Amino acid sequence: MKIKKISLITLSIILCISLISGCQPKAATAPDTEEVETEIQNEIIEKEVEKKEFGETPDSESELKEKEEKTETKTQDILPADLNQNEPKEQEVPEAKDEFILKIEGAGVENAISFTLDELKAMKDSHFEDDFYSLNSYGTREHFHFRGIKMKALLDKAIIKSDAKSVKFVATDGYAQELTVELALKEDFIDQDNPDKKFPVIIAWHENGKDYDVKKGAPFRLVVGQKEVDDMNKPQWVSNISKIIVD
């Protein structure tokens, strides 16, 4: 009789839980979530009944609460990512890029050195600004207005060695152009349309009225004038320079 009473009590508990569960609105869950919840709840009830039948002390309220929390955790683990996140995600803010650095290095300098854009702009005594004549491999002839710093001023700070032969300008994508040390230090390149003007080699950060956009890459460009009339100088104008190697 005692076992029958316990069985009836168990059945009543199960029916009550089923009725309560049926009355509550169902959350949007994955197809197998309800089955897992039901199985776990049934396991808890069966264990409690077994304890009563065999004279064991039922779980305390704190122990039952702990089991419920474990049930919740298991249920959340099987939910799809979009259903498991009840709160809206905070929008990720991309990290700001490090400031671009122009490096001068190599066996041909005594002092490997680097400059930020702000540092170059602060060296006002060594700035140069003018319209540079350009001729490209397609025969296109035009002028571009540049502002930048003289290459000679930068090499003077790096202390170029007497046996140095070449200066290579390397872009962030690996593209490079090379000048002899003599040409890199030269400050009397020409503009065939303005023979009275003389131009140094410069590293420019400003072209045709605006600074280069740092979001598009390193804001440093090699600009070289013409050595002579019809000298095709435009292909030497390397953009996005990251380093200058002197050997």
Protein backbone atom coordinates (compact mmCIF):
# COMPACT_ATOMS: atom_id res chain seq x y z
CA MET A 1 0.00 0.00 0.00
CA LYS A 2 2.80 2.39 0.86
CA ILE A 3 4.43 1.86 -2.56
CA LYS A 4 1.06 2.43 -4.30
CA LYS A 5 0.59 5.70 -2.44
CA ILE A 6 4.05 6.85 -3.43
CA SER A 7 3.36 5.86 -7.04
CA LEU A 8 0.13 7.87 -7.00
CA ILE A 9 1.98 10.86 -5.53
CA THR A 10 4.64 10.54 -8.21
CA LEU A 11 2.03 10.37 -10.96
CA SER A 12 0.28 13.45 -9.52
CA ILE A 13 3.55 15.40 -9.46
CA ILE A 14 4.28 14.48 -13.09
CA LEU A 15 0.77 15.49 -14.17
CA CYS A 16 1.03 18.83 -12.34
CA ILE A 17 4.39 19.59 -13.93
CA SER A 18 3.01 18.67 -17.37
CA LEU A 19 -0.03 20.94 -16.88
CA ILE A 20 2.11 23.84 -15.67
CA SER A 21 4.56 23.38 -18.55
CA GLY A 22 1.69 23.25 -21.05
CA CYS A 23 0.22 26.52 -19.78
CA GLN A 24 3.47 28.48 -20.05
CA PRO A 25 4.34 30.08 -23.41
CA LYS A 26 7.16 28.25 -25.15
CA ALA A 27 10.33 30.16 -25.95
CA ALA A 28 11.95 29.89 -29.33
CA THR A 29 14.25 26.91 -28.83
CA ALA A 30 16.02 24.41 -30.98
CA PRO A 31 13.93 21.34 -32.01
CA ASP A 32 15.52 19.01 -29.38
CA THR A 33 15.58 21.45 -26.41
CA GLU A 34 12.15 20.43 -25.00
CA GLU A 35 13.10 16.76 -25.07
CA VAL A 36 16.29 17.44 -23.10
CA GLU A 37 14.44 19.56 -20.52
CA THR A 38 11.78 16.85 -20.05
CA GLU A 39 14.37 14.09 -19.69
CA ILE A 40 16.32 16.03 -17.06
CA GLN A 41 13.17 16.95 -15.11
CA ASN A 42 12.01 13.31 -15.17
CA GLU A 43 15.41 12.16 -13.92
CA ILE A 44 15.22 14.58 -10.98
CA ILE A 45 11.65 13.42 -10.09
CA GLU A 46 12.57 9.74 -10.36
CA LYS A 47 15.54 10.20 -8.08
CA GLU A 48 13.42 12.02 -5.49
CA VAL A 49 10.81 9.24 -5.59
CA GLU A 50 13.49 6.57 -5.20
CA LYS A 51 14.85 8.37 -2.17
CA LYS A 52 11.38 8.47 -0.57
CA GLU A 53 10.75 4.78 -1.34
CA PHE A 54 14.03 3.67 0.20
CA GLY A 55 13.79 5.97 3.20
CA GLU A 56 16.53 8.36 2.07
CA THR A 57 16.41 12.06 2.88
CA PRO A 58 15.08 14.08 -0.06
CA ASP A 59 17.29 16.79 -1.55
CA SER A 60 17.25 20.09 0.27
CA GLU A 61 15.89 23.22 -1.39
CA SER A 62 19.45 24.39 -2.17
CA GLU A 63 20.32 21.08 -3.80
CA LEU A 64 17.18 21.19 -5.93
CA LYS A 65 18.02 24.74 -6.97
CA GLU A 66 21.51 23.62 -7.96
CA LYS A 67 20.04 20.88 -10.16
CA GLU A 68 17.68 23.35 -11.81
CA GLU A 69 20.64 25.60 -12.63
CA LYS A 70 22.49 22.65 -14.15
CA THR A 71 19.39 21.89 -16.23
CA GLU A 72 19.37 25.48 -17.48
CA THR A 73 23.06 25.29 -18.39
CA LYS A 74 22.61 22.07 -20.37
CA THR A 75 19.65 23.54 -22.20
CA GLN A 76 21.59 26.67 -23.16
CA ASP A 77 24.49 24.59 -24.44
CA ILE A 78 22.36 23.00 -27.16
CA LEU A 79 20.59 26.16 -28.26
CA PRO A 80 21.64 27.71 -31.58
CA ALA A 81 23.81 30.81 -31.22
CA ASP A 82 21.08 33.20 -32.39
CA LEU A 83 18.53 31.83 -29.88
CA ASN A 84 20.95 31.50 -26.98
CA GLN A 85 21.71 35.23 -26.94
CA ASN A 86 18.77 37.02 -25.39
CA GLU A 87 20.52 40.37 -25.09
CA PRO A 88 21.67 42.31 -28.18
CA LYS A 89 25.39 42.08 -28.85
CA GLU A 90 27.46 45.22 -28.50
CA GLN A 91 28.86 46.39 -31.82
CA GLU A 92 32.55 45.62 -32.07
CA VAL A 93 34.75 48.67 -32.59
CA PRO A 94 37.75 47.97 -34.83
CA GLU A 95 41.10 48.71 -33.26
CA ALA A 96 42.86 51.78 -34.54
CA LYS A 97 45.89 51.06 -36.72
CA ASP A 98 49.35 51.89 -35.45
CA GLU A 99 50.82 55.10 -36.87
CA PHE A 100 52.81 54.54 -40.06
CA ILE A 101 56.58 54.84 -39.69
CA LEU A 102 59.10 55.73 -42.39
CA LYS A 103 62.33 53.80 -41.73
CA ILE A 104 65.83 54.48 -43.06
CA GLU A 105 68.16 51.51 -42.61
CA GLY A 106 70.84 49.41 -44.27
CA ALA A 107 74.59 48.88 -44.27
CA GLY A 108 75.10 52.26 -45.94
CA VAL A 109 74.06 54.41 -42.95
CA GLU A 110 75.68 54.97 -39.58
CA ASN A 111 72.39 55.64 -37.83
CA ALA A 112 69.28 53.60 -38.64
CA ILE A 113 66.43 56.00 -38.01
CA SER A 114 62.64 56.26 -38.33
CA PHE A 115 60.11 59.06 -38.61
CA THR A 116 56.39 59.46 -38.05
CA LEU A 117 54.39 61.72 -40.35
CA ASP A 118 54.10 64.32 -37.58
CA GLU A 119 57.86 64.31 -37.11
CA LEU A 120 58.42 64.92 -40.83
CA LYS A 121 55.90 67.76 -40.80
CA ALA A 122 57.73 69.33 -37.86
CA MET A 123 61.00 69.53 -39.87
CA LYS A 124 59.85 72.68 -41.63
CA ASP A 125 63.33 73.90 -42.61
CA SER A 126 63.68 70.87 -44.87
CA HIS A 127 60.26 71.03 -46.56
CA PHE A 128 59.82 71.53 -50.30
CA GLU A 129 56.62 72.31 -52.20
CA ASP A 130 56.08 72.87 -55.92
CA ASP A 131 54.62 71.55 -59.17
CA PHE A 132 56.57 68.56 -60.50
CA TYR A 133 56.57 67.72 -64.21
CA SER A 134 55.82 64.07 -64.95
CA LEU A 135 56.21 61.90 -68.02
CA ASN A 136 55.02 58.27 -67.87
CA SER A 137 55.63 55.24 -70.06
CA TYR A 138 52.46 55.97 -72.09
CA GLY A 139 53.76 59.41 -73.04
CA THR A 140 51.32 61.27 -70.74
CA ARG A 141 52.71 64.64 -69.69
CA GLU A 142 51.29 66.59 -66.74
CA HIS A 143 52.10 68.48 -63.55
CA PHE A 144 51.38 67.39 -59.97
CA HIS A 145 51.63 69.63 -56.93
CA PHE A 146 53.53 68.02 -54.04
CA ARG A 147 54.55 68.96 -50.52
CA GLY A 148 57.11 66.92 -48.64
CA ILE A 149 60.59 66.75 -47.18
CA LYS A 150 63.93 66.73 -48.97
CA MET A 151 65.54 63.31 -49.23
CA LYS A 152 68.96 64.83 -48.55
CA ALA A 153 67.78 66.09 -45.14
CA LEU A 154 66.68 62.58 -44.13
CA LEU A 155 69.91 60.95 -45.33
CA ASP A 156 71.93 63.57 -43.48
CA LYS A 157 70.17 62.55 -40.25
CA ALA A 158 70.88 58.87 -40.96
CA ILE A 159 74.55 59.78 -41.64
CA ILE A 160 75.22 58.13 -44.98
CA LYS A 161 78.55 56.27 -45.27
CA SER A 162 81.15 57.27 -47.82
CA ASP A 163 81.09 53.85 -49.48
CA ALA A 164 77.27 53.68 -49.83
CA LYS A 165 76.20 53.08 -53.44
CA SER A 166 72.42 52.78 -53.65
CA VAL A 167 69.19 53.97 -52.04
CA LYS A 168 66.18 51.68 -52.42
CA PHE A 169 62.62 52.92 -51.76
CA VAL A 170 60.38 50.00 -50.74
CA ALA A 171 56.56 50.13 -50.62
CA THR A 172 54.42 48.20 -48.14
CA ASP A 173 53.46 45.72 -50.91
CA GLY A 174 57.14 45.04 -51.76
CA TYR A 175 57.33 47.18 -54.91
CA ALA A 176 60.63 49.09 -55.03
CA GLN A 177 62.62 51.63 -57.01
CA GLU A 178 66.35 52.25 -56.65
CA LEU A 179 68.45 55.38 -57.13
CA THR A 180 72.19 55.82 -56.87
CA VAL A 181 73.30 57.75 -53.77
CA GLU A 182 74.32 60.58 -56.08
CA LEU A 183 70.80 60.87 -57.57
CA ALA A 184 69.11 60.52 -54.16
CA LEU A 185 71.10 63.50 -52.90
CA LYS A 186 70.68 65.52 -56.11
CA GLU A 187 68.75 68.79 -55.70
CA ASP A 188 68.78 70.17 -59.25
CA PHE A 189 66.39 67.98 -61.21
CA ILE A 190 64.54 69.87 -63.93
CA ASP A 191 61.08 70.59 -65.29
CA GLN A 192 61.43 70.70 -69.04
CA ASP A 193 58.58 73.22 -69.24
CA ASN A 194 60.24 75.48 -66.62
CA PRO A 195 64.01 75.26 -67.20
CA ASP A 196 64.78 77.88 -64.53
CA LYS A 197 63.38 75.71 -61.72
CA LYS A 198 65.44 73.18 -59.78
CA PHE A 199 63.95 70.29 -57.81
CA PRO A 200 65.30 68.02 -55.05
CA VAL A 201 64.21 64.41 -54.49
CA ILE A 202 61.44 64.53 -51.89
CA ILE A 203 59.29 62.22 -49.80
CA ALA A 204 55.81 63.72 -50.20
CA TRP A 205 52.77 63.37 -47.94
CA HIS A 206 50.60 65.94 -49.74
CA GLU A 207 49.42 65.89 -53.37
CA ASN A 208 47.19 68.28 -55.32
CA GLY A 209 45.73 70.10 -52.33
CA LYS A 210 45.31 67.32 -49.76
CA ASP A 211 47.28 64.97 -47.55
CA TYR A 212 47.33 61.27 -48.39
CA ASP A 213 44.62 59.23 -46.67
CA VAL A 214 46.29 57.01 -44.05
CA LYS A 215 43.35 54.59 -44.36
CA LYS A 216 44.67 53.72 -47.83
CA GLY A 217 48.21 53.00 -46.71
CA ALA A 218 51.50 54.58 -45.69
CA PRO A 219 51.28 58.31 -46.53
CA PHE A 220 54.77 58.60 -48.03
CA ARG A 221 55.63 58.93 -51.73
CA LEU A 222 58.92 59.27 -53.57
CA VAL A 223 58.87 62.17 -56.05
CA VAL A 224 61.74 62.74 -58.50
CA GLY A 225 62.10 65.46 -61.14
CA GLN A 226 63.59 65.01 -64.61
CA LYS A 227 67.29 64.49 -65.18
CA GLU A 228 66.96 65.86 -68.71
CA VAL A 229 64.36 66.80 -71.31
CA ASP A 230 61.98 63.90 -72.08
CA ASP A 231 63.27 61.93 -69.09
CA MET A 232 60.52 59.45 -68.17
CA ASN A 233 60.42 60.09 -64.41
CA LYS A 234 56.85 59.15 -63.36
CA PRO A 235 57.53 55.35 -62.97
CA GLN A 236 59.97 56.18 -60.16
CA TRP A 237 57.27 57.75 -58.00
CA VAL A 238 56.79 54.92 -55.49
CA SER A 239 53.68 55.25 -53.30
CA ASN A 240 53.10 53.89 -49.77
CA ILE A 241 56.79 53.75 -48.86
CA SER A 242 57.52 51.87 -45.63
CA LYS A 243 61.33 51.87 -45.65
CA ILE A 244 64.39 53.26 -47.39
CA ILE A 245 67.38 50.92 -47.59
CA VAL A 246 70.85 52.36 -48.12
CA ASP A 247 73.58 49.93 -49.20
